[in-house]
């Protein structure tokens, strides 16, 4: 938790420089509290770095494709020529990401994660998949992660402006 707290402080310090007056002074504290509630419910003082990174990426304002690529980088297993996502790594990713809706009472069962994992690996004979297969599957908007593109679209529409005047 200490390491993540330090990283968050640096992150929000940079954000304050880029967007003066737009970052809450307690952003680090609030974000760490959220991550702790999601990933350290038993109070061990330990949060897996990649879980925190996945959550922060999911909640970021980045594009869906950039988020999906980052998830792959966080959870992929390096192989001889390319990184791959194993079934186990995909389960970990989905479980980690589903802590986000769970924090507001929208939980998913372990069977949801298993169904999604089987869906991703449908027709795959190997024990792991390449990034393109992973990205293709995520673009199909699997039910277990439907909240992610939905939140992205809602966020994107907040930035839209037009010249029309309403009367």
Foldseek 3Di string as FASTA:
>chain_A
DVVLLVVLVVVVVVVCVVPPPPGDPCNSVVLVVLQCVLAVVVPPPDGDPLLSVLQCLLPDLDDPVVSLVVLCVSQWDDDDPATWHFLVSQLVSLSSNQSVVVVVPDHDDSVLSVVLSCVLCPPPPDRTHGSVSSSVSVVVPRPSRVVRVVVNVVVVVVPDDDDDDDD
